[in-house]
Amino acid sequence: MKKRLLAVMTASLIAFSQAPTLADDDDDDDEPQRTLSSQDVPELILGSPEDDFTVNQTNFELVSGQAYRWRITSAGGLEYKFHTDLFRNSWINQIVISDLEVHMNGAPAWLEFDATGTIQVQFVTSRPGFYTWSIPDLADRGMQGTIVVK
């Protein structure tokens, strides 16, 4: 029984590994490309020593099914509560703060920065869509943006 199961699994793996080359006869070359390794999202920097309400980037573009690492840094003098609906539609692998790891079993409600520092979130996007991010109490001051997952 074990030999038969092993033979079926091996045949399935061989067929699966060859399937993309056999089935790629359509014109989907405009599809976003995924890789097996985690990709870095451009770092998001909240505030600066000169301006507590500045952000270095507001819009981000990601690919569904891709693994990512996103460094979010507090550089201003305020308390920032970072919120995004993206994390509710992603598989969160872990959150890293000062080389300390928090392994997740669900999405965080928000990331809170009480002081300057960086939090790195490692996740896999699971649903295409249009998402927002913000510092809710400071969104009207420009601390908000969008995340498009293709």
Foldseek 3Di string as FASTA:
>chain_A
DVVVVVVVVVVVVVCVVCVCVVVPPDPVPVADDADPDAAEWPEWEQAACVGRHDIPDFETEAAAQHKYKYKYWYHYDAKFWKAKPQQQQKAWQWKAFPNDIDGDDGGDRTDIDPDTGIIMTIIGGHDFDKMKMARVVNVVVPGIHIYGYD
